[in-house]
Amino acid sequence: MQLIEFLFPEKAQREKVSDLAKHTVECLMDVSEPPDRAVFCFLDGDKVFTPLLQELHPFFLTAFSQIGRGEIEAFLSQYYPNSIPFVKEEAQDRFIKYLVVVVLWDEVPGLDEYVDYEMKGHSSKWDRLFEESQFDKEGLLYVQNSMSLRPQGLILEDNRLFYHPFLRRFYGSMCNFHGLTFFLEDLSKQKGLTLRIKLDPLRLGKAQDYRDVMELDHWFGPPFNPDRLNDPNYQGLTVYKNTDDEYKVLSQFPTDRTEFYVSNKSDGNKQIEIEEILDENAKLRTLLAPQKYAHMIWDPSKGCFIHFDVALMAYKKDKAEQRFRSNWKGRDIEPVKPICKVKLFRADGEISIDQAMELVSFFFYQNDQIHEFFSGKLNAVQGK
């Protein structure tokens, strides 16, 4: 934790502050409010943090007096440029409160922690609720009739289980699940379709605390033409560049381009693979570089998709740089593999074109290149 090390050179003080912050975040993991949102609400006087602030305030006051506001602001602007938006306008106590928020936020599990958890195969908070047979080999839960799939979580008896945070924008719980999980809820009720979904292994709440959140959005474009999928000659790589420079500046994980790889399978079906490629100049606060990936299979004989799955590809930063310089054409020659691929949901059965388009649009939220590819716009920078 960079801020703690900067503010508290004495080991005893640093350990005290770190232990209090960790304990507070651990408590927040068991409540209905997402932990990073609860930390943010602390700025407006959330009572959960009152005891913590009373214990930590003297530590931060001492650090504030010894280091000075100007030096602290310079440090924050360098390492936490988006964390303290109103520092210069706040009084001393308010400023100290912001520092506590930053320390707490660093303790909320994020991208790196969840990937590490996935790779090490730790037990989950909800293990006692399920049999091993209810999961596939990639850790996806088979959704069954006894479960109530809701937009903001899964209800099982008196328990509320949370969907994996990688299904959220920016891979944390601060953002809502928006339309994707609303659509998965409807998909789970479709006869003949098997749905599997990834759960958050670190969180378990109570069903009585469940609350729905509505977030509206609007997007449009011409419908996708399925005739291309029935053409055996339609295959190869297509790349759409991200030309939105403002998005690249504001986004936590700005993309340079989106790659679409279409190929024919030996059984006569056609598959589409999609991967977002991060911008090489992205300034990530995470140790790993996340890239969204989707895979779908089209069955010409049925005139529909029969498989759809999505995952998060987590690359080490040096591998992400290699991935940026490569593409799917070259991956058979010199493959660039992620350190971890976290499968997030999978659907098997008859999936209509409209359903597939909604799934891919919701998962790649705010990615204009998705709509450009499926609407057939001819502004791709590469393809064959």
Protein backbone atom coordinates (compact mmCIF):
# COMPACT_ATOMS: atom_id res chain seq x y z
CA MET A 1 0.00 0.00 0.00
CA GLN A 2 1.89 3.02 -1.29
CA LEU A 3 0.03 5.65 0.72
CA ILE A 4 0.55 3.90 4.07
CA GLU A 5 4.26 3.51 3.36
CA PHE A 6 4.49 7.19 2.44
CA LEU A 7 2.59 8.47 5.48
CA PHE A 8 3.90 6.11 8.18
CA PRO A 9 7.62 5.40 8.14
CA GLU A 10 7.41 3.73 11.57
CA LYS A 11 6.63 0.03 11.25
CA ALA A 12 4.32 -0.14 14.30
CA GLN A 13 2.13 2.70 13.04
CA ARG A 14 2.03 1.27 9.54
CA GLU A 15 0.98 -2.16 10.78
CA LYS A 16 -1.71 -0.70 13.04
CA VAL A 17 -3.28 1.31 10.22
CA SER A 18 -3.03 -1.60 7.77
CA ASP A 19 -4.64 -4.08 10.21
CA LEU A 20 -7.56 -1.74 10.92
CA ALA A 21 -8.15 -1.14 7.22
CA LYS A 22 -8.05 -4.85 6.39
CA HIS A 23 -10.47 -5.70 9.20
CA THR A 24 -12.93 -3.02 8.08
CA VAL A 25 -12.94 -4.20 4.46
CA GLU A 26 -13.34 -7.84 5.54
CA CYS A 27 -16.48 -6.83 7.44
CA LEU A 28 -17.78 -5.01 4.38
CA MET A 29 -17.44 -8.13 2.22
CA ASP A 30 -20.37 -9.69 4.11
CA VAL A 31 -22.90 -6.87 3.68
CA SER A 32 -25.25 -6.21 0.80
CA GLU A 33 -23.54 -2.94 -0.19
CA PRO A 34 -20.53 -3.57 -2.45
CA PRO A 35 -17.33 -2.89 -0.48
CA ASP A 36 -15.83 -0.25 -2.73
CA ARG A 37 -19.18 1.55 -2.95
CA ALA A 38 -19.45 1.46 0.85
CA VAL A 39 -15.99 3.00 1.09
CA PHE A 40 -17.08 5.73 -1.29
CA CYS A 41 -20.25 6.35 0.77
CA PHE A 42 -18.00 6.93 3.77
CA LEU A 43 -17.29 10.38 2.34
CA ASP A 44 -20.91 11.27 3.10
CA GLY A 45 -20.82 10.09 6.71
CA ASP A 46 -21.60 6.40 6.57
CA LYS A 47 -21.85 5.21 10.19
CA VAL A 48 -20.00 1.97 9.44
CA PHE A 49 -16.74 3.89 9.44
CA THR A 50 -17.22 6.14 12.47
CA PRO A 51 -15.30 3.88 14.90
CA LEU A 52 -12.55 3.36 12.34
CA LEU A 53 -12.12 7.08 11.80
CA GLN A 54 -11.94 7.68 15.55
CA GLU A 55 -9.08 5.19 15.82
CA LEU A 56 -7.21 6.26 12.72
CA HIS A 57 -7.64 10.03 12.93
CA PRO A 58 -4.74 10.61 15.39
CA PHE A 59 -2.36 8.60 13.18
CA PHE A 60 -3.27 10.57 10.06
CA LEU A 61 -3.26 13.88 11.91
CA THR A 62 0.32 13.22 13.00
CA ALA A 63 1.36 12.27 9.47
CA PHE A 64 -0.44 15.35 8.11
CA SER A 65 1.45 17.62 10.52
CA GLN A 66 4.86 16.07 9.88
CA ILE A 67 4.74 15.69 6.10
CA GLY A 68 2.60 18.66 5.12
CA ARG A 69 -0.43 18.99 2.89
CA GLY A 70 1.50 20.05 -0.19
CA GLU A 71 3.74 16.98 -0.22
CA ILE A 72 0.77 14.67 0.40
CA GLU A 73 -1.17 16.25 -2.47
CA ALA A 74 1.83 15.83 -4.77
CA PHE A 75 2.05 12.15 -3.82
CA LEU A 76 -1.68 11.63 -4.37
CA SER A 77 -1.60 13.29 -7.78
CA GLN A 78 1.20 10.96 -8.84
CA TYR A 79 -0.09 7.62 -7.52
CA TYR A 80 -3.83 8.20 -7.08
CA PRO A 81 -4.76 10.78 -9.73
CA ASN A 82 -8.48 9.90 -9.72
CA SER A 83 -8.99 9.16 -6.03
CA ILE A 84 -9.06 12.59 -4.41
CA PRO A 85 -11.12 14.90 -6.62
CA PHE A 86 -11.75 17.68 -4.09
CA VAL A 87 -8.58 17.73 -2.00
CA LYS A 88 -7.75 21.39 -2.51
CA GLU A 89 -11.24 22.55 -1.50
CA GLU A 90 -11.55 20.59 1.76
CA ALA A 91 -10.71 21.44 5.36
CA GLN A 92 -8.12 19.48 7.32
CA ASP A 93 -10.47 16.89 8.87
CA ARG A 94 -12.21 16.33 5.55
CA PHE A 95 -8.85 15.89 3.88
CA ILE A 96 -7.81 13.29 6.48
CA LYS A 97 -11.07 11.48 5.83
CA TYR A 98 -10.14 11.28 2.16
CA LEU A 99 -6.80 9.74 3.08
CA VAL A 100 -8.58 7.05 5.12
CA VAL A 101 -10.81 6.33 2.11
CA VAL A 102 -7.78 5.84 -0.15
CA VAL A 103 -6.20 3.44 2.36
CA LEU A 104 -9.45 1.47 2.62
CA TRP A 105 -9.92 1.40 -1.15
CA ASP A 106 -6.50 -0.18 -1.56
CA GLU A 107 -7.66 -3.05 0.66
CA VAL A 108 -10.79 -3.85 -1.37
CA PRO A 109 -10.04 -6.95 -3.49
CA GLY A 110 -9.57 -6.00 -7.11
CA LEU A 111 -8.43 -7.45 -10.40
CA ASP A 112 -5.07 -8.75 -9.18
CA GLU A 113 -6.50 -10.34 -6.03
CA TYR A 114 -9.31 -12.12 -7.88
CA VAL A 115 -6.94 -13.50 -10.53
CA ASP A 116 -4.55 -14.69 -7.79
CA TYR A 117 -7.50 -16.32 -6.03
CA GLU A 118 -8.52 -18.06 -9.24
CA MET A 119 -5.05 -19.40 -9.92
CA LYS A 120 -4.52 -20.72 -6.39
CA GLY A 121 -7.96 -22.32 -6.12
CA HIS A 122 -8.85 -21.14 -2.61
CA SER A 123 -12.13 -22.15 -1.01
CA SER A 124 -15.13 -19.83 -1.37
CA LYS A 125 -17.36 -18.31 1.28
CA TRP A 126 -20.34 -20.20 -0.12
CA ASP A 127 -18.75 -23.67 -0.54
CA ARG A 128 -21.08 -25.23 2.06
CA LEU A 129 -24.14 -24.31 -0.03
CA PHE A 130 -23.28 -26.46 -3.04
CA GLU A 131 -22.18 -29.90 -4.13
CA GLU A 132 -19.06 -30.15 -6.27
CA SER A 133 -21.15 -31.61 -9.11
CA GLN A 134 -23.04 -28.32 -9.43
CA PHE A 135 -19.97 -26.71 -11.02
CA ASP A 136 -18.16 -27.43 -14.26
CA LYS A 137 -14.37 -27.83 -14.50
CA GLU A 138 -13.93 -24.08 -15.02
CA GLY A 139 -15.78 -23.17 -11.84
CA LEU A 140 -19.04 -22.06 -13.46
CA LEU A 141 -22.22 -22.80 -11.53
CA TYR A 142 -24.99 -24.63 -13.40
CA VAL A 143 -28.07 -22.45 -12.94
CA GLN A 144 -31.01 -24.56 -11.73
CA ASN A 145 -34.71 -23.99 -11.09
CA SER A 146 -34.16 -23.93 -7.32
CA MET A 147 -32.07 -20.77 -7.75
CA SER A 148 -33.47 -17.33 -8.31
CA LEU A 149 -31.26 -15.54 -10.82
CA ARG A 150 -31.71 -11.80 -10.19
CA PRO A 151 -30.08 -8.80 -11.90
CA GLN A 152 -27.82 -8.00 -8.91
CA GLY A 153 -27.20 -11.50 -7.57
CA LEU A 154 -28.39 -15.06 -7.16
CA ILE A 155 -30.82 -15.94 -4.35
CA LEU A 156 -30.56 -19.42 -2.84
CA GLU A 157 -32.81 -19.99 0.19
CA ASP A 158 -31.76 -17.31 2.73
CA ASN A 159 -28.50 -16.47 0.97
CA ARG A 160 -27.54 -13.87 -1.57
CA LEU A 161 -24.63 -14.79 -3.82
CA PHE A 162 -22.89 -12.17 -5.89
CA TYR A 163 -21.91 -12.55 -9.53
CA HIS A 164 -18.20 -12.33 -10.25
CA PRO A 165 -16.96 -8.71 -10.35
CA PHE A 166 -15.30 -9.32 -13.72
CA LEU A 167 -18.82 -9.17 -15.17
CA ARG A 168 -18.98 -5.54 -14.08
CA ARG A 169 -17.45 -2.60 -15.89
CA PHE A 170 -13.87 -2.01 -14.74
CA TYR A 171 -13.93 -5.37 -12.90
CA GLY A 172 -14.96 -3.98 -9.51
CA SER A 173 -18.19 -3.73 -7.55
CA MET A 174 -18.48 0.06 -7.69
CA CYS A 175 -20.41 -0.19 -10.99
CA ASN A 176 -23.75 -1.94 -11.44
CA PHE A 177 -24.11 -5.07 -13.52
CA HIS A 178 -26.35 -3.02 -15.88
CA GLY A 179 -28.16 -4.94 -18.66
CA LEU A 180 -26.06 -8.09 -18.88
CA THR A 181 -27.40 -9.84 -15.80
CA PHE A 182 -30.97 -8.68 -16.52
CA PHE A 183 -30.65 -10.46 -19.84
CA LEU A 184 -29.05 -13.56 -18.29
CA GLU A 185 -32.01 -13.72 -15.90
CA ASP A 186 -34.37 -13.99 -18.88
CA LEU A 187 -32.07 -16.45 -20.64
CA SER A 188 -32.08 -18.78 -17.61
CA LYS A 189 -35.83 -19.30 -18.07
CA GLN A 190 -35.51 -20.44 -21.70
CA LYS A 191 -36.34 -24.12 -22.22
CA GLY A 192 -33.62 -26.31 -23.67
CA LEU A 193 -30.83 -23.88 -22.79
CA THR A 194 -28.13 -24.59 -20.18
CA LEU A 195 -26.71 -21.54 -18.45
CA ARG A 196 -23.60 -21.45 -16.25
CA ILE A 197 -22.28 -18.43 -14.40
CA LYS A 198 -19.28 -17.41 -12.29
CA LEU A 199 -19.86 -16.33 -8.68
CA ASP A 200 -17.85 -13.96 -6.50
CA PRO A 201 -15.89 -16.33 -4.22
CA LEU A 202 -15.17 -13.68 -1.58
CA ARG A 203 -18.66 -12.45 -0.81
CA LEU A 204 -21.81 -13.93 0.71
CA GLY A 205 -24.81 -11.89 1.83
CA LYS A 206 -28.33 -12.34 3.13
CA ALA A 207 -31.30 -12.65 0.79
CA GLN A 208 -33.25 -10.15 2.90
CA ASP A 209 -30.70 -7.44 2.06
CA TYR A 210 -31.12 -7.83 -1.70
CA ARG A 211 -32.02 -4.65 -3.59
CA ASP A 212 -32.52 -4.18 -7.33
CA VAL A 213 -30.76 -1.31 -9.10
CA MET A 214 -31.99 0.12 -12.37
CA GLU A 215 -29.53 1.68 -14.79
CA LEU A 216 -30.90 2.67 -18.18
CA ASP A 217 -28.95 2.85 -21.42
CA HIS A 218 -29.65 3.36 -25.10
CA TRP A 219 -27.82 2.13 -28.17
CA PHE A 220 -28.84 1.55 -31.75
CA GLY A 221 -27.62 0.45 -35.15
CA PRO A 222 -28.53 -1.67 -38.18
CA PRO A 223 -29.26 -5.37 -37.50
CA PHE A 224 -26.62 -8.02 -38.06
CA ASN A 225 -26.87 -9.88 -41.36
CA PRO A 226 -26.63 -13.66 -40.71
CA ASP A 227 -26.03 -14.47 -44.39
CA ARG A 228 -22.32 -13.92 -43.82
CA LEU A 229 -22.25 -16.71 -41.24
CA ASN A 230 -23.68 -19.19 -43.74
CA ASP A 231 -20.92 -18.39 -46.25
CA PRO A 232 -18.00 -20.87 -45.86
CA ASN A 233 -15.67 -18.30 -47.46
CA TYR A 234 -16.37 -15.81 -44.69
CA GLN A 235 -13.47 -16.30 -42.28
CA GLY A 236 -10.29 -14.63 -41.06
CA LEU A 237 -9.29 -11.66 -38.94
CA THR A 238 -10.96 -8.25 -38.78
CA VAL A 239 -9.63 -5.43 -36.61
CA TYR A 240 -11.53 -2.30 -35.60
CA LYS A 241 -9.52 0.55 -34.08
CA ASN A 242 -10.74 2.66 -31.18
CA THR A 243 -10.67 6.25 -32.46
CA ASP A 244 -12.27 7.80 -29.37
CA ASP A 245 -9.32 9.64 -27.81
CA GLU A 246 -11.46 11.04 -24.97
CA TYR A 247 -12.43 7.50 -23.96
CA LYS A 248 -8.78 6.48 -23.91
CA VAL A 249 -7.98 9.30 -21.49
CA LEU A 250 -10.92 8.78 -19.14
CA SER A 251 -11.16 4.98 -19.08
CA GLN A 252 -9.40 2.92 -16.41
CA PHE A 253 -8.67 0.24 -19.01
CA PRO A 254 -8.52 2.02 -22.38
CA THR A 255 -8.60 -0.19 -25.48
CA ASP A 256 -6.58 0.33 -28.64
CA ARG A 257 -8.65 -1.98 -30.83
CA THR A 258 -10.97 -4.97 -30.91
CA GLU A 259 -10.05 -8.10 -32.87
CA PHE A 260 -12.64 -10.41 -34.44
CA TYR A 261 -11.55 -13.83 -35.69
CA VAL A 262 -14.01 -15.91 -37.71
CA SER A 263 -13.20 -19.53 -38.55
CA ASN A 264 -14.89 -22.68 -39.87
CA LYS A 265 -15.11 -25.70 -37.59
CA SER A 266 -14.66 -29.28 -38.82
CA ASP A 267 -18.34 -30.05 -38.11
CA GLY A 268 -19.52 -27.36 -40.54
CA ASN A 269 -20.30 -24.77 -37.85
CA LYS A 270 -18.67 -21.36 -37.72
CA GLN A 271 -17.15 -19.70 -34.67
CA ILE A 272 -16.45 -16.07 -33.81
CA GLU A 273 -13.83 -15.06 -31.26
CA ILE A 274 -13.57 -11.50 -30.00
CA GLU A 275 -10.89 -9.90 -27.84
CA GLU A 276 -10.35 -6.33 -26.71
CA ILE A 277 -6.72 -5.19 -26.87
CA LEU A 278 -5.57 -2.64 -24.31
CA ASP A 279 -3.83 0.53 -25.44
CA GLU A 280 -0.06 0.19 -25.09
CA ASN A 281 0.08 3.54 -23.26
CA ALA A 282 -2.56 2.56 -20.69
CA LYS A 283 -1.49 3.61 -17.19
CA LEU A 284 -2.76 0.69 -15.12
CA ARG A 285 -2.79 0.65 -11.34
CA THR A 286 -3.16 -3.12 -11.43
CA LEU A 287 -0.29 -5.58 -11.76
CA LEU A 288 -2.13 -7.44 -14.50
CA ALA A 289 -3.63 -6.23 -17.76
CA PRO A 290 -7.26 -7.38 -18.31
CA GLN A 291 -8.76 -7.98 -21.74
CA LYS A 292 -12.32 -9.12 -22.42
CA TYR A 293 -12.87 -12.18 -24.59
CA ALA A 294 -16.00 -13.77 -26.12
CA HIS A 295 -16.59 -16.94 -28.12
CA MET A 296 -19.72 -17.98 -30.01
CA ILE A 297 -20.62 -20.84 -32.37
CA TRP A 298 -23.09 -20.56 -35.25
CA ASP A 299 -24.95 -23.62 -36.58
CA PRO A 300 -26.01 -23.01 -40.23
CA SER A 301 -28.38 -25.99 -40.18
CA LYS A 302 -30.37 -24.49 -37.29
CA GLY A 303 -29.95 -20.85 -38.28
CA CYS A 304 -28.91 -19.81 -34.77
CA PHE A 305 -26.01 -19.74 -32.36
CA ILE A 306 -25.67 -22.86 -30.20
CA HIS A 307 -22.93 -21.72 -27.84
CA PHE A 308 -21.85 -18.47 -26.20
CA ASP A 309 -19.22 -17.90 -23.51
CA VAL A 310 -17.21 -14.97 -22.20
CA ALA A 311 -14.02 -14.69 -20.16
CA LEU A 312 -11.48 -12.25 -18.82
CA MET A 313 -7.94 -12.72 -20.15
CA ALA A 314 -5.43 -11.52 -17.55
CA TYR A 315 -1.96 -10.87 -18.97
CA LYS A 316 1.27 -9.96 -17.24
CA LYS A 317 2.17 -6.49 -18.45
CA ASP A 318 5.10 -7.66 -20.58
CA LYS A 319 2.84 -10.25 -22.24
CA ALA A 320 0.15 -7.60 -22.75
CA GLU A 321 2.72 -5.55 -24.67
CA GLN A 322 3.49 -8.60 -26.83
CA ARG A 323 -0.25 -9.17 -27.35
CA PHE A 324 -0.60 -5.53 -28.41
CA ARG A 325 2.04 -6.04 -31.10
CA SER A 326 0.53 -9.31 -32.35
CA ASN A 327 -2.82 -10.42 -33.67
CA TRP A 328 -4.75 -13.61 -34.25
CA LYS A 329 -3.03 -14.16 -37.58
CA GLY A 330 0.30 -14.50 -35.84
CA ARG A 331 -0.77 -16.27 -32.70
CA ASP A 332 -0.32 -19.73 -34.27
CA ILE A 333 3.31 -18.86 -34.95
CA GLU A 334 4.14 -17.19 -31.65
CA PRO A 335 1.16 -17.46 -29.28
CA VAL A 336 0.84 -14.90 -26.52
CA LYS A 337 -1.00 -16.55 -23.66
CA PRO A 338 -2.60 -14.87 -20.65
CA ILE A 339 -1.43 -15.82 -17.17
CA CYS A 340 -5.04 -16.66 -16.36
CA LYS A 341 -8.30 -17.00 -18.28
CA VAL A 342 -11.35 -16.57 -16.03
CA LYS A 343 -14.53 -17.94 -17.63
CA LEU A 344 -17.51 -15.83 -16.51
CA PHE A 345 -20.63 -17.34 -18.05
CA ARG A 346 -21.58 -19.90 -20.65
CA ALA A 347 -24.81 -20.65 -22.49
CA ASP A 348 -25.48 -23.80 -24.55
CA GLY A 349 -28.64 -24.29 -26.58
CA GLU A 350 -30.49 -22.39 -29.28
CA ILE A 351 -29.52 -18.72 -29.02
CA SER A 352 -31.12 -16.35 -31.49
CA ILE A 353 -29.20 -13.66 -33.34
CA ASP A 354 -30.93 -10.96 -31.30
CA GLN A 355 -30.02 -12.71 -28.04
CA ALA A 356 -26.39 -13.14 -29.10
CA MET A 357 -26.16 -9.49 -30.12
CA GLU A 358 -27.53 -8.37 -26.76
CA LEU A 359 -25.12 -10.62 -24.87
CA VAL A 360 -22.06 -9.42 -26.75
CA SER A 361 -23.14 -5.77 -26.54
CA PHE A 362 -23.76 -5.92 -22.80
CA PHE A 363 -20.50 -7.73 -22.09
CA PHE A 364 -18.40 -5.36 -24.22
CA TYR A 365 -20.22 -2.38 -22.74
CA GLN A 366 -19.32 1.00 -24.29
CA ASN A 367 -17.25 -0.67 -27.01
CA ASP A 368 -18.30 0.95 -30.28
CA GLN A 369 -16.22 -1.47 -32.33
CA ILE A 370 -18.63 -4.29 -31.44
CA HIS A 371 -21.50 -2.45 -33.10
CA GLU A 372 -19.33 -1.50 -36.06
CA PHE A 373 -18.38 -5.12 -36.74
CA PHE A 374 -21.85 -6.61 -36.40
CA SER A 375 -23.50 -3.80 -38.36
CA GLY A 376 -21.09 -4.44 -41.24
CA LYS A 377 -19.46 -1.01 -41.34
CA LEU A 378 -16.44 -1.10 -43.62
CA ASN A 379 -13.96 0.91 -41.56
CA ALA A 380 -11.87 -1.97 -40.28
CA VAL A 381 -8.13 -1.33 -40.43
CA GLN A 382 -7.18 -4.92 -41.14
CA GLY A 383 -8.85 -8.09 -42.31
CA LYS A 384 -9.12 -10.70 -44.97
